[in-house]
Amino acid sequence: MCSKVLQPTSLVVVFETLLSSAAITVDEEKGNPSWQARADFYVICILSCLPWGGAELAEQVPEEIERVLVGIQAYLSIRRHTSDSGLSFFEDEESGGDVEKDFLEDLWERIQVLSSNGWKVESVPRPHLSFEAQLVAGKSHEFGPISCPEQPELPSTISAVAYGKQKHDAELKYPQRMRRLNIFPASKTEDLQPIDRFVVEEYLLDVLLFFNGCRKECAAFMVGLPVPFRYEYLMAETIFSQLLLLPQPPFKPIYYTLVIMDLCKALPGAFPAVVAGAVRALFDKIADLDMECRTRLILWFSHHLSNFQFIWPWEEWAYVLDLPKWAPQRVFVQEVLEREVRLSYWDKIKQ
């Protein structure tokens, strides 16, 4: 659309079709709220377009895009807040007094800030501006009509089991884009606008997806994102959020291990320190970390160190010797050292 390829009104029709289907799905009387995951997916698709095309839509079809935003606000007012403590990284995430925003609520808040800032996004490149004179004379095209799949009917006998099964089926088919793992304090990314975090995460997740199996190319693209600010901390959080994702990571854990290694080699002056900071932050909260996440962290960390001459300031963790044998921090260090012995060789162990 920025390149005059698509008619803005045609894109708005697509947005409204998705939004209408989403609203009907979560309607208690006409729809099937157990399939809210699909409805949320439709709305996320709409919101995800706006950092890239919101400025043009607001300029060319302001009333139509405002109508879409009002519709999204109405949808958010009737949908249920999604929360699954069983998939949380830390046991205490859901026990706080404040209810944490789910992914869609968080994205909507970021889009609202973007709208109030005039749709200006530094993290989205705009190469088409150099060719505006030629693009104005180009021919625009319209989307063909789209139709959303029919929603499954509610079972004749509504029960918690039947509802839960349909909800589970929907979430398997339309999984949440990501679950953020907040490792670092907000001060590490305070220079970013709210929408910039979402855009950089989208870049990183897409690179991880499309270069799965090509880890060197993956790392090369991850360090060269077209953004005017540093994002090493955000990159580390995004990778660890995928590595530790429950119930299982999108790709084999070894893929993330190799990508982190290549990023440390590509950014030797910056990324190793960020990774070390992530390890320390996770180690401090290891008692609250989910057991499956602990196991993955141990396996990753031991493998990672074995590729960097086992260098780590072990004296920092010497105090764990005074902790009970069952203490999570002591168990973590013990498990890592046992694996380092297996991954090492005799002369290195003697040193």
Protein backbone atom coordinates (compact mmCIF):
# COMPACT_ATOMS: atom_id res chain seq x y z
CA MET A 1 0.00 0.00 0.00
CA CYS A 2 2.90 2.37 0.74
CA SER A 3 4.03 1.70 -2.83
CA LYS A 4 0.55 2.43 -4.27
CA VAL A 5 0.12 -1.26 -5.10
CA LEU A 6 -3.08 -1.67 -3.05
CA GLN A 7 -6.12 0.54 -2.74
CA PRO A 8 -6.43 1.75 0.88
CA THR A 9 -10.20 1.28 0.79
CA SER A 10 -9.68 -2.31 -0.34
CA LEU A 11 -7.43 -2.99 2.64
CA VAL A 12 -9.96 -1.45 5.01
CA VAL A 13 -12.60 -3.86 3.65
CA VAL A 14 -10.30 -6.76 4.54
CA PHE A 15 -9.79 -5.33 8.03
CA GLU A 16 -13.53 -4.96 8.57
CA THR A 17 -14.21 -8.49 7.32
CA LEU A 18 -11.74 -9.92 9.83
CA LEU A 19 -13.04 -7.68 12.59
CA SER A 20 -16.65 -8.63 11.93
CA SER A 21 -15.82 -12.33 12.09
CA ALA A 22 -13.86 -11.81 15.32
CA ALA A 23 -16.74 -9.93 16.96
CA ILE A 24 -19.26 -12.62 16.02
CA THR A 25 -16.98 -15.38 17.31
CA VAL A 26 -16.75 -13.99 20.84
CA ASP A 27 -20.45 -13.07 21.00
CA GLU A 28 -22.07 -15.18 23.72
CA GLU A 29 -25.36 -15.56 21.80
CA LYS A 30 -24.37 -15.71 18.11
CA GLY A 31 -20.85 -17.07 18.28
CA ASN A 32 -18.59 -19.60 19.93
CA PRO A 33 -16.36 -17.89 22.53
CA SER A 34 -14.26 -21.03 22.93
CA TRP A 35 -12.69 -20.07 19.59
CA GLN A 36 -11.54 -16.68 20.85
CA ALA A 37 -7.96 -17.61 19.88
CA ARG A 38 -8.95 -17.34 16.21
CA ALA A 39 -10.77 -14.06 16.78
CA ASP A 40 -7.71 -12.67 18.57
CA PHE A 41 -5.53 -13.85 15.68
CA TYR A 42 -7.65 -11.86 13.21
CA VAL A 43 -7.39 -8.69 15.29
CA ILE A 44 -3.65 -9.15 15.79
CA CYS A 45 -3.29 -9.43 12.00
CA ILE A 46 -4.99 -6.04 11.64
CA LEU A 47 -2.95 -4.35 14.36
CA SER A 48 0.30 -5.85 13.05
CA CYS A 49 -0.22 -4.07 9.72
CA LEU A 50 -0.53 -0.60 11.22
CA PRO A 51 3.14 0.12 12.09
CA TRP A 52 3.92 -0.38 8.40
CA GLY A 53 0.87 1.21 6.78
CA GLY A 54 -0.89 3.23 9.45
CA ALA A 55 0.52 6.58 8.31
CA GLU A 56 -0.73 6.12 4.73
CA LEU A 57 -4.12 4.87 5.88
CA ALA A 58 -4.54 7.81 8.26
CA GLU A 59 -3.62 10.20 5.45
CA GLN A 60 -5.70 8.68 2.64
CA VAL A 61 -8.71 7.14 4.41
CA PRO A 62 -8.79 8.74 7.89
CA GLU A 63 -12.48 8.11 8.58
CA GLU A 64 -12.32 4.46 7.53
CA ILE A 65 -9.24 3.65 9.61
CA GLU A 66 -10.77 5.45 12.59
CA ARG A 67 -13.84 3.24 12.18
CA VAL A 68 -11.61 0.16 12.25
CA LEU A 69 -9.87 1.35 15.43
CA VAL A 70 -13.23 1.98 17.10
CA GLY A 71 -14.28 -1.54 16.10
CA ILE A 72 -11.12 -2.99 17.64
CA GLN A 73 -11.79 -1.09 20.86
CA ALA A 74 -15.32 -2.52 20.91
CA TYR A 75 -13.96 -6.03 20.34
CA LEU A 76 -11.51 -5.69 23.22
CA SER A 77 -14.35 -4.62 25.48
CA ILE A 78 -16.26 -7.89 24.96
CA ARG A 79 -13.47 -10.46 24.66
CA ARG A 80 -12.11 -12.32 27.65
CA HIS A 81 -8.67 -11.57 29.02
CA THR A 82 -6.46 -14.56 28.24
CA SER A 83 -4.20 -15.97 30.91
CA ASP A 84 -2.60 -19.37 31.33
CA SER A 85 -0.51 -19.63 34.46
CA GLY A 86 0.49 -23.16 33.46
CA LEU A 87 2.58 -21.72 30.62
CA SER A 88 4.22 -18.95 32.65
CA PHE A 89 8.00 -18.87 32.88
CA PHE A 90 7.89 -18.00 36.58
CA GLU A 91 5.58 -19.40 39.23
CA ASP A 92 4.82 -16.00 40.76
CA GLU A 93 3.85 -14.22 37.52
CA GLU A 94 0.11 -14.66 38.06
CA SER A 95 0.12 -14.14 41.82
CA GLY A 96 0.61 -10.36 41.80
CA GLY A 97 -2.20 -7.96 42.53
CA ASP A 98 -2.16 -6.37 39.07
CA VAL A 99 -3.45 -8.40 36.15
CA GLU A 100 -0.79 -8.50 33.45
CA LYS A 101 -1.93 -7.54 29.96
CA ASP A 102 -2.15 -10.37 27.47
CA PHE A 103 -0.42 -10.07 24.08
CA LEU A 104 -3.38 -8.48 22.26
CA GLU A 105 -4.09 -5.96 25.02
CA ASP A 106 -0.43 -4.99 25.09
CA LEU A 107 -0.26 -4.59 21.31
CA TRP A 108 -3.44 -2.48 21.28
CA GLU A 109 -1.92 -0.15 23.88
CA ARG A 110 1.21 0.24 21.75
CA ILE A 111 -0.87 1.00 18.65
CA GLN A 112 -2.82 3.66 20.55
CA VAL A 113 0.44 5.38 21.53
CA LEU A 114 1.59 5.13 17.91
CA SER A 115 -1.65 6.71 16.69
CA SER A 116 -1.33 9.59 19.15
CA ASN A 117 2.24 10.16 17.88
CA GLY A 118 1.08 10.58 14.29
CA TRP A 119 2.02 7.03 13.19
CA LYS A 120 5.74 7.81 13.23
CA VAL A 121 7.85 4.64 13.57
CA GLU A 122 11.64 4.87 13.45
CA SER A 123 12.09 1.11 13.26
CA VAL A 124 10.16 0.73 9.98
CA PRO A 125 12.25 1.60 6.87
CA ARG A 126 10.47 3.64 4.21
CA PRO A 127 12.43 3.13 0.97
CA HIS A 128 9.36 3.99 -1.12
CA LEU A 129 9.69 7.68 -0.22
CA SER A 130 12.57 8.01 -2.69
CA PHE A 131 10.29 6.88 -5.50
CA GLU A 132 7.08 8.74 -4.69
CA ALA A 133 7.05 10.63 -7.98
CA GLN A 134 7.08 7.40 -9.98
CA LEU A 135 4.73 5.52 -7.65
CA VAL A 136 2.01 8.17 -7.82
CA ALA A 137 1.49 7.33 -11.48
CA GLY A 138 1.36 3.59 -10.80
CA LYS A 139 -1.80 1.52 -10.96
CA SER A 140 -3.32 0.37 -7.69
CA HIS A 141 -5.04 -2.96 -7.27
CA GLU A 142 -7.88 -4.17 -5.08
CA PHE A 143 -8.02 -7.20 -2.87
CA GLY A 144 -10.40 -9.85 -4.04
CA PRO A 145 -13.24 -10.70 -1.67
CA ILE A 146 -12.16 -12.76 1.32
CA SER A 147 -14.24 -15.01 3.53
CA CYS A 148 -13.43 -16.25 7.00
CA PRO A 149 -13.98 -19.93 7.81
CA GLU A 150 -17.17 -20.82 9.59
CA GLN A 151 -16.77 -21.17 13.32
CA PRO A 152 -17.36 -24.62 14.82
CA GLU A 153 -20.73 -24.95 16.49
CA LEU A 154 -21.00 -25.19 20.23
CA PRO A 155 -21.75 -28.74 21.43
CA SER A 156 -25.42 -29.44 22.04
CA THR A 157 -24.68 -30.10 25.69
CA ILE A 158 -22.47 -27.31 26.94
CA SER A 159 -20.02 -28.52 29.57
CA ALA A 160 -16.68 -27.36 30.90
CA VAL A 161 -14.99 -30.36 29.26
CA ALA A 162 -16.49 -29.73 25.80
CA TYR A 163 -15.79 -26.00 26.02
CA GLY A 164 -12.23 -26.64 27.16
CA LYS A 165 -11.58 -29.10 24.33
CA GLN A 166 -12.71 -26.60 21.68
CA LYS A 167 -10.68 -23.85 23.36
CA HIS A 168 -7.62 -26.11 23.33
CA ASP A 169 -8.14 -26.97 19.65
CA ALA A 170 -8.40 -23.28 18.78
CA GLU A 171 -5.24 -22.37 20.70
CA LEU A 172 -3.30 -25.16 18.98
CA LYS A 173 -4.37 -23.88 15.57
CA TYR A 174 -3.93 -20.19 16.41
CA PRO A 175 -1.10 -20.01 18.97
CA GLN A 176 -0.11 -16.74 20.57
CA ARG A 177 2.61 -14.96 18.61
CA MET A 178 4.99 -14.91 21.57
CA ARG A 179 5.16 -14.89 25.35
CA ARG A 180 7.56 -12.24 26.54
CA LEU A 181 10.30 -13.12 29.01
CA ASN A 182 11.20 -9.90 30.82
CA ILE A 183 14.76 -10.54 31.94
CA PHE A 184 16.25 -7.06 32.06
CA PRO A 185 15.06 -3.89 33.84
CA ALA A 186 13.10 -1.41 31.76
CA SER A 187 16.07 0.99 31.81
CA LYS A 188 17.90 -1.25 29.32
CA THR A 189 15.32 -0.49 26.61
CA GLU A 190 14.05 2.91 27.80
CA ASP A 191 15.12 4.64 24.57
CA LEU A 192 12.66 2.55 22.55
CA GLN A 193 9.18 3.77 21.72
CA PRO A 194 6.49 1.23 22.74
CA ILE A 195 5.82 0.21 19.13
CA ASP A 196 9.54 -0.20 18.39
CA ARG A 197 9.72 -3.19 20.72
CA PHE A 198 6.91 -4.91 18.85
CA VAL A 199 8.47 -4.17 15.44
CA VAL A 200 11.92 -5.45 16.44
CA GLU A 201 10.37 -8.58 17.94
CA GLU A 202 8.55 -9.16 14.65
CA TYR A 203 11.83 -8.82 12.74
CA LEU A 204 13.61 -11.24 15.07
CA LEU A 205 10.84 -13.85 15.11
CA ASP A 206 10.60 -13.76 11.31
CA VAL A 207 14.37 -14.19 10.94
CA LEU A 208 14.34 -17.12 13.37
CA LEU A 209 11.49 -18.70 11.41
CA PHE A 210 12.77 -18.27 7.88
CA PHE A 211 16.43 -19.07 8.61
CA ASN A 212 15.80 -22.12 10.77
CA GLY A 213 18.56 -24.51 9.71
CA CYS A 214 20.81 -21.69 8.46
CA ARG A 215 22.12 -20.40 11.75
CA LYS A 216 25.00 -18.28 10.38
CA GLU A 217 22.68 -16.46 7.98
CA CYS A 218 20.18 -16.12 10.81
CA ALA A 219 22.72 -14.43 13.08
CA ALA A 220 23.93 -12.19 10.24
CA PHE A 221 20.42 -10.88 9.60
CA MET A 222 19.66 -10.50 13.31
CA VAL A 223 22.63 -8.19 13.87
CA GLY A 224 21.77 -6.10 10.81
CA LEU A 225 18.16 -5.08 11.41
CA PRO A 226 17.18 -1.78 9.72
CA VAL A 227 16.67 0.17 12.95
CA PRO A 228 18.47 3.32 14.16
CA PHE A 229 19.02 2.16 17.75
CA ARG A 230 20.79 -0.61 19.64
CA TYR A 231 18.70 -3.64 20.49
CA GLU A 232 21.04 -6.28 21.95
CA TYR A 233 19.03 -6.58 25.18
CA LEU A 234 15.77 -6.95 23.30
CA MET A 235 17.38 -9.52 20.99
CA ALA A 236 18.55 -11.59 23.97
CA GLU A 237 15.12 -11.45 25.63
CA THR A 238 13.40 -12.52 22.42
CA ILE A 239 15.73 -15.48 21.84
CA PHE A 240 15.49 -16.68 25.45
CA SER A 241 11.70 -16.28 25.36
CA GLN A 242 11.66 -18.73 22.44
CA LEU A 243 14.21 -21.12 23.96
CA LEU A 244 12.27 -21.34 27.24
CA LEU A 245 8.77 -21.18 25.74
CA LEU A 246 6.28 -23.62 27.27
CA PRO A 247 5.20 -26.27 26.61
CA GLN A 248 7.96 -26.50 23.98
CA PRO A 249 10.06 -24.10 21.87
CA PRO A 250 9.11 -23.51 18.21
CA PHE A 251 12.38 -25.14 17.08
CA LYS A 252 14.91 -27.52 18.59
CA PRO A 253 16.83 -25.94 21.49
CA ILE A 254 20.15 -26.58 19.73
CA TYR A 255 19.10 -24.06 17.06
CA TYR A 256 18.88 -21.25 19.61
CA THR A 257 22.14 -22.41 21.20
CA LEU A 258 23.97 -22.09 17.89
CA VAL A 259 22.36 -18.73 17.07
CA ILE A 260 23.43 -17.30 20.44
CA MET A 261 26.98 -18.57 19.84
CA ASP A 262 27.11 -16.95 16.40
CA LEU A 263 25.69 -13.68 17.76
CA CYS A 264 28.41 -13.63 20.44
CA LYS A 265 31.01 -14.02 17.69
CA ALA A 266 29.35 -11.43 15.44
CA LEU A 267 29.07 -8.84 18.25
CA PRO A 268 32.05 -9.69 20.50
CA GLY A 269 32.05 -6.30 22.18
CA ALA A 270 28.38 -6.25 23.13
CA PHE A 271 26.39 -9.47 23.01
CA PRO A 272 28.48 -11.74 25.31
CA ALA A 273 27.99 -9.25 28.15
CA VAL A 274 24.25 -9.13 27.44
CA VAL A 275 24.04 -12.94 27.51
CA ALA A 276 25.99 -13.01 30.77
CA GLY A 277 23.56 -10.47 32.21
CA ALA A 278 20.64 -12.65 31.15
CA VAL A 279 22.19 -15.69 32.86
CA ARG A 280 22.72 -13.74 36.08
CA ALA A 281 19.17 -12.38 36.03
CA LEU A 282 17.69 -15.84 35.46
CA PHE A 283 19.98 -17.36 38.09
CA ASP A 284 18.74 -14.84 40.67
CA LYS A 285 15.15 -15.95 39.96
CA ILE A 286 15.90 -19.64 39.46
CA ALA A 287 13.78 -20.65 42.46
CA ASP A 288 10.66 -19.29 40.73
CA LEU A 289 11.58 -20.50 37.24
CA ASP A 290 9.47 -23.35 35.87
CA MET A 291 11.22 -26.72 36.23
CA GLU A 292 11.18 -27.43 32.48
CA CYS A 293 12.67 -23.99 31.85
CA ARG A 294 15.39 -24.70 34.44
CA THR A 295 16.34 -27.89 32.64
CA ARG A 296 16.55 -26.14 29.27
CA LEU A 297 18.58 -23.31 30.79
CA ILE A 298 21.05 -25.79 32.31
CA LEU A 299 21.45 -27.67 29.02
CA TRP A 300 21.89 -24.46 27.03
CA PHE A 301 24.34 -22.83 29.48
CA SER A 302 26.59 -25.87 29.81
CA HIS A 303 26.72 -26.30 26.03
CA HIS A 304 27.35 -22.58 25.53
CA LEU A 305 30.27 -22.47 27.97
CA SER A 306 31.85 -25.56 26.42
CA ASN A 307 32.20 -23.57 23.19
CA PHE A 308 33.84 -20.59 24.92
CA GLN A 309 36.61 -22.36 26.86
CA PHE A 310 34.37 -22.79 29.94
CA ILE A 311 35.06 -19.18 30.90
CA TRP A 312 32.75 -17.85 33.61
CA PRO A 313 33.38 -15.95 36.88
CA TRP A 314 32.60 -19.00 39.00
CA GLU A 315 33.66 -17.22 42.20
CA GLU A 316 30.42 -15.22 41.92
CA TRP A 317 28.51 -18.39 42.69
CA ALA A 318 30.84 -19.82 45.34
CA TYR A 319 28.29 -18.92 48.02
CA VAL A 320 26.00 -21.74 46.83
CA LEU A 321 28.28 -24.17 48.72
CA ASP A 322 26.75 -22.79 51.92
CA LEU A 323 23.19 -23.43 50.72
CA PRO A 324 21.26 -26.67 51.37
CA LYS A 325 21.84 -29.40 48.80
CA TRP A 326 18.28 -29.02 47.51
CA ALA A 327 18.51 -25.21 47.05
CA PRO A 328 17.63 -24.37 43.40
CA GLN A 329 20.72 -22.20 42.87
CA ARG A 330 23.05 -24.89 44.21
CA VAL A 331 21.35 -27.56 42.10
CA PHE A 332 21.69 -25.35 39.02
CA VAL A 333 25.44 -24.86 39.51
CA GLN A 334 25.96 -28.54 40.29
CA GLU A 335 24.05 -29.65 37.18
CA VAL A 336 25.98 -27.23 34.98
CA LEU A 337 29.37 -28.36 36.33
CA GLU A 338 28.49 -32.04 35.90
CA ARG A 339 27.67 -31.41 32.25
CA GLU A 340 30.82 -29.35 31.76
CA VAL A 341 32.87 -32.35 32.90
CA ARG A 342 31.11 -34.52 30.32
CA LEU A 343 31.67 -31.92 27.60
CA SER A 344 35.32 -31.32 28.50
CA TYR A 345 38.48 -33.44 28.33
CA TRP A 346 40.92 -34.66 30.98
CA ASP A 347 43.63 -32.00 30.61
CA LYS A 348 41.05 -29.22 30.79
CA ILE A 349 39.46 -30.72 33.90
CA LYS A 350 42.86 -30.89 35.64
CA GLN A 351 43.38 -27.18 34.95
